[in-house]
Amino acid sequence: MASGCLSRESLKSLTTGSVDSFTTGSIDAGAPVDTARRDVARLAARYEKDPADVGTAMAYAQALRATDQGAQAAAVLQQTALRNPKNPAVLAAYGKSLAEVGRFGEAAEVLRNAHSPANPDWRVLSAQGAVADQMGDHVQAQRYYEAALKIVPGEPAVLSNLGLSYALAKRLPEAESTLRQASADPRADGRVRQNLALVLGLQGRFGEAEQVLTRDLGPAQAAQNVAALRGFVSQPNAWKAIRSAEKAKAPHVAAASAM
């Protein structure tokens, strides 16, 4: 998600003057970065010794993704998928990795094969929504998120993705309502609230956005972020920048997100 759309990779951080930290789509590198960095060399050696071991390949790719080596992760998972073309977990991971490096059409195709209609996976559905949002098909993206929510009603990660999909479609009241529902859930993390703050900012309600951000960032940093958000939103091409960022790179997805 979001996680489609307002990706942290494509929009620079509010703390440095823009809106990078707002995310949608469901693509999660998983392990903390410090842990992943320690693990990369160890897992690389294990993978080199036995590239056919699915568990090792998946762990290695996850560590690569967590350390911003998305292209390498996609290459590892491509080989793993070729060896295991019927393994839904491998296909799901491969599809997410393709989306993370901007190969959205390929990601959509791989994710279509990552689960069956008889046994749908809500995380894969949310990832499909994120990819559809990245490709500008917000109506289809919202269908994927709604299908995921039938499996996990009220899941804040999926609701967050859905809310930002509404925002990208300029359906801001629906975006706000959905993100408020997501942020009220105890399982929601700070990124869900950041998404809500973004939507409030897009409606010019910067005081409310600051209140939302203060919960996670503290007063000083929240004020700094809102000042940057105010500047971004005031630009005449703000919506164009958001939509361009959507296509630039796939969204991050957190532990609270759908992927």
C-alpha atoms as a PDB file:
ATOM      1  CA  MET A   1       0.000   0.000   0.000  1.00  0.00           C
ATOM      2  CA  ALA A   2      -0.778   2.782   1.281  1.00  0.00           C
ATOM      3  CA  SER A   3       0.701   0.298   1.551  1.00  0.00           C
ATOM      4  CA  GLY A   4      -0.158   2.143  -4.263  1.00  0.00           C
ATOM      5  CA  CYS A   5       0.598   5.658  -4.231  1.00  0.00           C
ATOM      6  CA  LEU A   6       2.173   8.020  -1.795  1.00  0.00           C
ATOM      7  CA  SER A   7       5.310   5.979  -1.372  1.00  0.00           C
ATOM      8  CA  ARG A   8       8.064   6.824   1.027  1.00  0.00           C
ATOM      9  CA  GLU A   9      10.623   6.049  -1.646  1.00  0.00           C
ATOM     10  CA  SER A  10       9.052   8.462  -4.100  1.00  0.00           C
ATOM     11  CA  LEU A  11       8.131  11.345  -1.810  1.00  0.00           C
ATOM     12  CA  LYS A  12      10.865  12.746   0.400  1.00  0.00           C
ATOM     13  CA  SER A  13      10.399  12.795   4.151  1.00  0.00           C
ATOM     14  CA  LEU A  14       8.309  15.495   5.734  1.00  0.00           C
ATOM     15  CA  THR A  15      11.090  15.944   8.244  1.00  0.00           C
ATOM     16  CA  THR A  16      13.322  17.056   5.369  1.00  0.00           C
ATOM     17  CA  GLY A  17      10.676  19.118   3.651  1.00  0.00           C
ATOM     18  CA  SER A  18       8.171  16.842   1.945  1.00  0.00           C
ATOM     19  CA  VAL A  19       5.870  13.879   2.421  1.00  0.00           C
ATOM     20  CA  ASP A  20       8.006  10.782   2.179  1.00  0.00           C
ATOM     21  CA  SER A  21       6.818   9.112   5.351  1.00  0.00           C
ATOM     22  CA  PHE A  22       3.245   8.741   4.151  1.00  0.00           C
ATOM     23  CA  THR A  23       2.778   5.309   2.708  1.00  0.00           C
ATOM     24  CA  THR A  24       0.304   2.968   1.152  1.00  0.00           C
ATOM     25  CA  GLY A  25       0.346  -0.450  -0.328  1.00  0.00           C
ATOM     26  CA  SER A  26       1.322  -3.653   1.284  1.00  0.00           C
ATOM     27  CA  ILE A  27       4.871  -4.468   0.721  1.00  0.00           C
ATOM     28  CA  ASP A  28       6.935  -5.090   3.815  1.00  0.00           C
ATOM     29  CA  ALA A  29      10.636  -5.777   3.929  1.00  0.00           C
ATOM     30  CA  GLY A  30       9.981  -7.356   7.272  1.00  0.00           C
ATOM     31  CA  ALA A  31      13.034  -7.525   9.505  1.00  0.00           C
ATOM     32  CA  PRO A  32      14.446  -4.411  11.211  1.00  0.00           C
ATOM     33  CA  VAL A  33      17.194  -2.842   9.115  1.00  0.00           C
ATOM     34  CA  ASP A  34      19.954  -3.310  11.701  1.00  0.00           C
ATOM     35  CA  THR A  35      19.135  -6.996  12.038  1.00  0.00           C
ATOM     36  CA  ALA A  36      18.877  -7.411   8.274  1.00  0.00           C
ATOM     37  CA  ARG A  37      22.271  -5.830   7.706  1.00  0.00           C
ATOM     38  CA  ARG A  38      23.890  -8.293  10.074  1.00  0.00           C
ATOM     39  CA  ASP A  39      22.111 -11.143   8.378  1.00  0.00           C
ATOM     40  CA  VAL A  40      22.820 -10.303   4.737  1.00  0.00           C
ATOM     41  CA  ALA A  41      26.373 -11.683   4.606  1.00  0.00           C
ATOM     42  CA  ARG A  42      25.466 -14.810   6.550  1.00  0.00           C
ATOM     43  CA  LEU A  43      22.427 -15.505   4.397  1.00  0.00           C
ATOM     44  CA  ALA A  44      24.329 -14.760   1.208  1.00  0.00           C
ATOM     45  CA  ALA A  45      26.823 -17.478   2.099  1.00  0.00           C
ATOM     46  CA  ARG A  46      24.056 -19.940   2.875  1.00  0.00           C
ATOM     47  CA  TYR A  47      22.242 -19.091  -0.343  1.00  0.00           C
ATOM     48  CA  GLU A  48      25.380 -19.478  -2.427  1.00  0.00           C
ATOM     49  CA  LYS A  49      25.944 -22.896  -0.924  1.00  0.00           C
ATOM     50  CA  ASP A  50      22.386 -24.078  -1.566  1.00  0.00           C
ATOM     51  CA  PRO A  51      20.297 -21.731  -3.761  1.00  0.00           C
ATOM     52  CA  ALA A  52      17.551 -24.346  -4.039  1.00  0.00           C
ATOM     53  CA  ASP A  53      16.693 -24.093  -0.336  1.00  0.00           C
ATOM     54  CA  VAL A  54      13.447 -22.123  -0.306  1.00  0.00           C
ATOM     55  CA  GLY A  55      13.709 -20.998   3.299  1.00  0.00           C
ATOM     56  CA  THR A  56      17.205 -19.634   2.826  1.00  0.00           C
ATOM     57  CA  ALA A  57      16.300 -17.900  -0.417  1.00  0.00           C
ATOM     58  CA  MET A  58      13.247 -16.252   1.131  1.00  0.00           C
ATOM     59  CA  ALA A  59      15.199 -15.091   4.191  1.00  0.00           C
ATOM     60  CA  TYR A  60      18.031 -13.775   2.036  1.00  0.00           C
ATOM     61  CA  ALA A  61      15.634 -11.866  -0.209  1.00  0.00           C
ATOM     62  CA  GLN A  62      13.881 -10.420   2.831  1.00  0.00           C
ATOM     63  CA  ALA A  63      17.202  -9.192   4.222  1.00  0.00           C
ATOM     64  CA  LEU A  64      18.086  -7.685   0.856  1.00  0.00           C
ATOM     65  CA  ARG A  65      14.767  -5.872   0.681  1.00  0.00           C
ATOM     66  CA  ALA A  66      15.180  -4.557   4.219  1.00  0.00           C
ATOM     67  CA  THR A  67      18.557  -3.100   3.277  1.00  0.00           C
ATOM     68  CA  ASP A  68      17.285  -1.374   0.114  1.00  0.00           C
ATOM     69  CA  GLN A  69      18.719  -3.939  -2.284  1.00  0.00           C
ATOM     70  CA  GLY A  70      15.455  -4.493  -4.074  1.00  0.00           C
ATOM     71  CA  ALA A  71      16.847  -5.436  -7.468  1.00  0.00           C
ATOM     72  CA  GLN A  72      19.023  -8.145  -5.920  1.00  0.00           C
ATOM     73  CA  ALA A  73      16.064  -9.438  -3.908  1.00  0.00           C
ATOM     74  CA  ALA A  74      13.941  -9.636  -7.050  1.00  0.00           C
ATOM     75  CA  ALA A  75      16.701 -11.575  -8.831  1.00  0.00           C
ATOM     76  CA  VAL A  76      16.957 -14.075  -5.967  1.00  0.00           C
ATOM     77  CA  LEU A  77      13.197 -14.548  -5.842  1.00  0.00           C
ATOM     78  CA  GLN A  78      12.954 -14.874  -9.608  1.00  0.00           C
ATOM     79  CA  GLN A  79      15.237 -17.893  -9.486  1.00  0.00           C
ATOM     80  CA  THR A  80      13.358 -19.293  -6.513  1.00  0.00           C
ATOM     81  CA  ALA A  81      10.033 -18.843  -8.307  1.00  0.00           C
ATOM     82  CA  LEU A  82      11.373 -20.605 -11.381  1.00  0.00           C
ATOM     83  CA  ARG A  83      12.308 -23.550  -9.178  1.00  0.00           C
ATOM     84  CA  ASN A  84       9.000 -23.435  -7.279  1.00  0.00           C
ATOM     85  CA  PRO A  85       6.339 -22.204  -9.715  1.00  0.00           C
ATOM     86  CA  LYS A  86       3.445 -23.516  -7.614  1.00  0.00           C
ATOM     87  CA  ASN A  87       4.600 -22.210  -4.233  1.00  0.00           C
ATOM     88  CA  PRO A  88       2.204 -19.366  -3.268  1.00  0.00           C
ATOM     89  CA  ALA A  89       4.517 -17.922  -0.604  1.00  0.00           C
ATOM     90  CA  VAL A  90       7.376 -17.683  -3.078  1.00  0.00           C
ATOM     91  CA  LEU A  91       5.157 -16.123  -5.735  1.00  0.00           C
ATOM     92  CA  ALA A  92       3.754 -13.611  -3.256  1.00  0.00           C
ATOM     93  CA  ALA A  93       7.243 -12.559  -2.158  1.00  0.00           C
ATOM     94  CA  TYR A  94       8.409 -12.346  -5.768  1.00  0.00           C
ATOM     95  CA  GLY A  95       5.418 -10.239  -6.754  1.00  0.00           C
ATOM     96  CA  LYS A  96       6.046  -7.813  -3.910  1.00  0.00           C
ATOM     97  CA  SER A  97       9.710  -7.540  -4.794  1.00  0.00           C
ATOM     98  CA  LEU A  98       8.865  -6.751  -8.421  1.00  0.00           C
ATOM     99  CA  ALA A  99       6.507  -4.009  -7.307  1.00  0.00           C
ATOM    100  CA  GLU A 100       9.174  -2.541  -5.062  1.00  0.00           C
ATOM    101  CA  VAL A 101      11.486  -2.027  -8.029  1.00  0.00           C
ATOM    102  CA  GLY A 102       8.760  -0.557 -10.205  1.00  0.00           C
ATOM    103  CA  ARG A 103       8.019  -3.579 -12.381  1.00  0.00           C
ATOM    104  CA  PHE A 104       4.293  -3.271 -11.806  1.00  0.00           C
ATOM    105  CA  GLY A 105       2.967  -5.169 -14.797  1.00  0.00           C
ATOM    106  CA  GLU A 106       5.122  -8.174 -13.980  1.00  0.00           C
ATOM    107  CA  ALA A 107       4.189  -7.877 -10.313  1.00  0.00           C
ATOM    108  CA  ALA A 108       0.491  -7.939 -11.141  1.00  0.00           C
ATOM    109  CA  GLU A 109       0.925 -11.080 -13.235  1.00  0.00           C
ATOM    110  CA  VAL A 110       2.932 -12.894 -10.574  1.00  0.00           C
ATOM    111  CA  LEU A 111       0.538 -11.923  -7.788  1.00  0.00           C
ATOM    112  CA  ARG A 112      -2.398 -13.229  -9.811  1.00  0.00           C
ATOM    113  CA  ASN A 113      -0.811 -16.651  -9.504  1.00  0.00           C
ATOM    114  CA  ALA A 114       0.093 -16.322  -5.828  1.00  0.00           C
ATOM    115  CA  HIS A 115      -3.264 -17.579  -4.563  1.00  0.00           C
ATOM    116  CA  SER A 116      -6.399 -19.187  -5.881  1.00  0.00           C
ATOM    117  CA  PRO A 117      -9.963 -17.852  -5.713  1.00  0.00           C
ATOM    118  CA  ALA A 118     -10.799 -20.882  -3.594  1.00  0.00           C
ATOM    119  CA  ASN A 119      -8.073 -20.033  -1.098  1.00  0.00           C
ATOM    120  CA  PRO A 120      -7.502 -16.273  -1.218  1.00  0.00           C
ATOM    121  CA  ASP A 121      -4.774 -14.624   0.841  1.00  0.00           C
ATOM    122  CA  TRP A 122      -5.704 -11.200   2.170  1.00  0.00           C
ATOM    123  CA  ARG A 123      -2.089 -10.074   2.156  1.00  0.00           C
ATOM    124  CA  VAL A 124      -1.766 -10.932  -1.516  1.00  0.00           C
ATOM    125  CA  LEU A 125      -5.060  -9.195  -2.262  1.00  0.00           C
ATOM    126  CA  SER A 126      -3.794  -6.078  -0.541  1.00  0.00           C
ATOM    127  CA  ALA A 127      -0.546  -6.274  -2.495  1.00  0.00           C
ATOM    128  CA  GLN A 128      -2.575  -6.563  -5.688  1.00  0.00           C
ATOM    129  CA  GLY A 129      -4.422  -3.438  -4.628  1.00  0.00           C
ATOM    130  CA  ALA A 130      -1.151  -1.623  -4.037  1.00  0.00           C
ATOM    131  CA  VAL A 131       0.089  -2.556  -7.496  1.00  0.00           C
ATOM    132  CA  ALA A 132      -3.194  -1.506  -9.110  1.00  0.00           C
ATOM    133  CA  ASP A 133      -2.936   1.851  -7.338  1.00  0.00           C
ATOM    134  CA  GLN A 134       0.618   2.205  -8.597  1.00  0.00           C
ATOM    135  CA  MET A 135      -0.676   1.636 -12.120  1.00  0.00           C
ATOM    136  CA  GLY A 136      -3.384   4.265 -11.670  1.00  0.00           C
ATOM    137  CA  ASP A 137      -6.333   1.852 -11.569  1.00  0.00           C
ATOM    138  CA  HIS A 138      -7.814   2.982  -8.271  1.00  0.00           C
ATOM    139  CA  VAL A 139     -11.213   1.394  -8.888  1.00  0.00           C
ATOM    140  CA  GLN A 140      -9.632  -2.040  -9.281  1.00  0.00           C
ATOM    141  CA  ALA A 141      -7.326  -1.379  -6.341  1.00  0.00           C
ATOM    142  CA  GLN A 142     -10.298  -0.642  -4.131  1.00  0.00           C
ATOM    143  CA  ARG A 143     -11.935  -3.896  -5.213  1.00  0.00           C
ATOM    144  CA  TYR A 144      -8.848  -5.794  -4.086  1.00  0.00           C
ATOM    145  CA  TYR A 145      -8.807  -4.024  -0.717  1.00  0.00           C
ATOM    146  CA  GLU A 146     -12.516  -4.664  -0.231  1.00  0.00           C
ATOM    147  CA  ALA A 147     -11.997  -8.354  -1.013  1.00  0.00           C
ATOM    148  CA  ALA A 148      -9.183  -8.458   1.549  1.00  0.00           C
ATOM    149  CA  LEU A 149     -11.430  -6.822   4.147  1.00  0.00           C
ATOM    150  CA  LYS A 150     -14.012  -9.562   3.656  1.00  0.00           C
ATOM    151  CA  ILE A 151     -11.373 -11.979   4.916  1.00  0.00           C
ATOM    152  CA  VAL A 152     -10.020  -9.737   7.702  1.00  0.00           C
ATOM    153  CA  PRO A 153     -12.733  -7.190   8.564  1.00  0.00           C
ATOM    154  CA  GLY A 154     -11.347  -4.036  10.104  1.00  0.00           C
ATOM    155  CA  GLU A 155      -7.678  -4.859   9.430  1.00  0.00           C
ATOM    156  CA  PRO A 156      -6.035  -1.429   9.842  1.00  0.00           C
ATOM    157  CA  ALA A 157      -3.324  -2.054   7.267  1.00  0.00           C
ATOM    158  CA  VAL A 158      -5.849  -2.791   4.535  1.00  0.00           C
ATOM    159  CA  LEU A 159      -8.062   0.092   5.625  1.00  0.00           C
ATOM    160  CA  SER A 160      -5.041   2.385   5.450  1.00  0.00           C
ATOM    161  CA  ASN A 161      -4.312   1.236   1.908  1.00  0.00           C
ATOM    162  CA  LEU A 162      -7.955   1.692   0.963  1.00  0.00           C
ATOM    163  CA  GLY A 163      -8.059   5.159   2.486  1.00  0.00           C
ATOM    164  CA  LEU A 164      -5.070   6.339   0.511  1.00  0.00           C
ATOM    165  CA  SER A 165      -6.489   4.790  -2.631  1.00  0.00           C
ATOM    166  CA  TYR A 166      -9.560   6.958  -2.084  1.00  0.00           C
ATOM    167  CA  ALA A 167      -7.255   9.940  -1.592  1.00  0.00           C
ATOM    168  CA  LEU A 168      -5.503   9.271  -4.886  1.00  0.00           C
ATOM    169  CA  ALA A 169      -8.912   9.215  -6.521  1.00  0.00           C
ATOM    170  CA  LYS A 170      -9.609  12.593  -4.823  1.00  0.00           C
ATOM    171  CA  ARG A 171     -12.376  11.066  -2.713  1.00  0.00           C
ATOM    172  CA  LEU A 172     -11.086  12.833   0.380  1.00  0.00           C
ATOM    173  CA  PRO A 173     -14.108  12.509   2.733  1.00  0.00           C
ATOM    174  CA  GLU A 174     -14.139   8.740   2.163  1.00  0.00           C
ATOM    175  CA  ALA A 175     -10.373   8.652   2.566  1.00  0.00           C
ATOM    176  CA  GLU A 176     -10.589  10.466   5.895  1.00  0.00           C
ATOM    177  CA  SER A 177     -13.405   8.268   7.212  1.00  0.00           C
ATOM    178  CA  THR A 178     -11.558   5.090   6.274  1.00  0.00           C
ATOM    179  CA  LEU A 179      -8.254   6.252   7.744  1.00  0.00           C
ATOM    180  CA  ARG A 180      -9.940   7.349  10.962  1.00  0.00           C
ATOM    181  CA  GLN A 181     -11.372   3.866  11.287  1.00  0.00           C
ATOM    182  CA  ALA A 182      -7.930   2.371  10.658  1.00  0.00           C
ATOM    183  CA  SER A 183      -6.122   4.675  13.082  1.00  0.00           C
ATOM    184  CA  ALA A 184      -8.621   3.977  15.863  1.00  0.00           C
ATOM    185  CA  ASP A 185      -7.652   0.305  15.856  1.00  0.00           C
ATOM    186  CA  PRO A 186      -5.112  -0.595  18.575  1.00  0.00           C
ATOM    187  CA  ARG A 187      -3.148  -2.588  15.987  1.00  0.00           C
ATOM    188  CA  ALA A 188      -2.518   0.502  13.844  1.00  0.00           C
ATOM    189  CA  ASP A 189       1.005   1.896  13.896  1.00  0.00           C
ATOM    190  CA  GLY A 190       2.264   5.420  13.347  1.00  0.00           C
ATOM    191  CA  ARG A 191       2.283   5.088   9.594  1.00  0.00           C
ATOM    192  CA  VAL A 192      -1.486   4.704   9.538  1.00  0.00           C
ATOM    193  CA  ARG A 193      -1.804   7.944  11.499  1.00  0.00           C
ATOM    194  CA  GLN A 194       0.663   9.634   9.161  1.00  0.00           C
ATOM    195  CA  ASN A 195      -1.596   8.682   6.286  1.00  0.00           C
ATOM    196  CA  LEU A 196      -4.568  10.211   8.110  1.00  0.00           C
ATOM    197  CA  ALA A 197      -2.567  13.376   8.705  1.00  0.00           C
ATOM    198  CA  LEU A 198      -1.743  13.575   5.015  1.00  0.00           C
ATOM    199  CA  VAL A 199      -5.398  13.359   4.041  1.00  0.00           C
ATOM    200  CA  LEU A 200      -6.295  16.024   6.612  1.00  0.00           C
ATOM    201  CA  GLY A 201      -3.545  18.207   5.173  1.00  0.00           C
ATOM    202  CA  LEU A 202      -4.853  17.714   1.658  1.00  0.00           C
ATOM    203  CA  GLN A 203      -8.132  19.172   2.954  1.00  0.00           C
ATOM    204  CA  GLY A 204      -6.333  22.147   4.486  1.00  0.00           C
ATOM    205  CA  ARG A 205      -6.937  20.989   8.061  1.00  0.00           C
ATOM    206  CA  PHE A 206      -3.381  21.352   9.263  1.00  0.00           C
ATOM    207  CA  GLY A 207      -4.211  21.812  12.942  1.00  0.00           C
ATOM    208  CA  GLU A 208      -5.942  18.448  13.040  1.00  0.00           C
ATOM    209  CA  ALA A 209      -3.074  16.890  11.083  1.00  0.00           C
ATOM    210  CA  GLU A 210      -0.611  18.186  13.672  1.00  0.00           C
ATOM    211  CA  GLN A 211      -2.673  16.741  16.519  1.00  0.00           C
ATOM    212  CA  VAL A 212      -2.642  13.340  14.829  1.00  0.00           C
ATOM    213  CA  LEU A 213       1.123  13.431  14.252  1.00  0.00           C
ATOM    214  CA  THR A 214       1.919  14.606  17.782  1.00  0.00           C
ATOM    215  CA  ARG A 215       0.891  11.232  19.170  1.00  0.00           C
ATOM    216  CA  ASP A 216       3.860   9.518  17.510  1.00  0.00           C
ATOM    217  CA  LEU A 217       6.335  12.310  16.816  1.00  0.00           C
ATOM    218  CA  GLY A 218       6.011  14.735  19.688  1.00  0.00           C
ATOM    219  CA  PRO A 219       5.040  18.418  19.373  1.00  0.00           C
ATOM    220  CA  ALA A 220       8.225  19.780  17.803  1.00  0.00           C
ATOM    221  CA  GLN A 221       8.629  17.176  15.078  1.00  0.00           C
ATOM    222  CA  ALA A 222       4.894  17.109  14.396  1.00  0.00           C
ATOM    223  CA  ALA A 223       4.942  20.881  13.861  1.00  0.00           C
ATOM    224  CA  GLN A 224       7.933  20.535  11.532  1.00  0.00           C
ATOM    225  CA  ASN A 225       6.214  17.819   9.530  1.00  0.00           C
ATOM    226  CA  VAL A 226       3.008  19.802   9.220  1.00  0.00           C
ATOM    227  CA  ALA A 227       4.910  22.882   8.081  1.00  0.00           C
ATOM    228  CA  ALA A 228       6.465  20.806   5.318  1.00  0.00           C
ATOM    229  CA  LEU A 229       3.093  19.269   4.487  1.00  0.00           C
ATOM    230  CA  ARG A 230       1.524  22.723   4.306  1.00  0.00           C
ATOM    231  CA  GLY A 231       4.190  23.818   1.848  1.00  0.00           C
ATOM    232  CA  PHE A 232       3.733  20.711  -0.269  1.00  0.00           C
ATOM    233  CA  VAL A 233      -0.052  20.962  -0.396  1.00  0.00           C
ATOM    234  CA  SER A 234       0.084  24.655  -1.283  1.00  0.00           C
ATOM    235  CA  GLN A 235       1.968  23.913  -4.474  1.00  0.00           C
ATOM    236  CA  PRO A 236      -0.232  24.184  -7.576  1.00  0.00           C
ATOM    237  CA  ASN A 237       1.079  20.842  -8.820  1.00  0.00           C
ATOM    238  CA  ALA A 238       0.720  18.942  -5.540  1.00  0.00           C
ATOM    239  CA  TRP A 239      -1.720  16.367  -6.918  1.00  0.00           C
ATOM    240  CA  LYS A 240       0.426  15.898  -9.995  1.00  0.00           C
ATOM    241  CA  ALA A 241       3.451  15.269  -7.763  1.00  0.00           C
ATOM    242  CA  ILE A 242       1.546  12.713  -5.712  1.00  0.00           C
ATOM    243  CA  ARG A 243       0.381  10.857  -8.802  1.00  0.00           C
ATOM    244  CA  SER A 244       3.867  10.952 -10.310  1.00  0.00           C
ATOM    245  CA  ALA A 245       5.327   9.599  -7.090  1.00  0.00           C
ATOM    246  CA  GLU A 246       2.802   6.792  -7.210  1.00  0.00           C
ATOM    247  CA  LYS A 247       4.325   5.581 -10.443  1.00  0.00           C
ATOM    248  CA  ALA A 248       7.942   6.132  -9.460  1.00  0.00           C
ATOM    249  CA  LYS A 249       8.350   3.286  -7.026  1.00  0.00           C
ATOM    250  CA  ALA A 250       6.291   0.827  -5.058  1.00  0.00           C
ATOM    251  CA  PRO A 251       5.025   1.710  -1.591  1.00  0.00           C
ATOM    252  CA  HIS A 252       6.443   0.611   1.679  1.00  0.00           C
ATOM    253  CA  VAL A 253       4.393  -1.514   3.884  1.00  0.00           C
ATOM    254  CA  ALA A 254       4.828  -1.948   7.557  1.00  0.00           C
ATOM    255  CA  ALA A 255       4.127  -4.680  10.027  1.00  0.00           C
ATOM    256  CA  ALA A 256       0.740  -3.078  10.462  1.00  0.00           C
ATOM    257  CA  SER A 257       0.174  -3.100   6.768  1.00  0.00           C
ATOM    258  CA  ALA A 258      -1.438  -5.702   4.699  1.00  0.00           C
ATOM    259  CA  MET A 259       1.586  -7.371   3.315  1.00  0.00           C
END
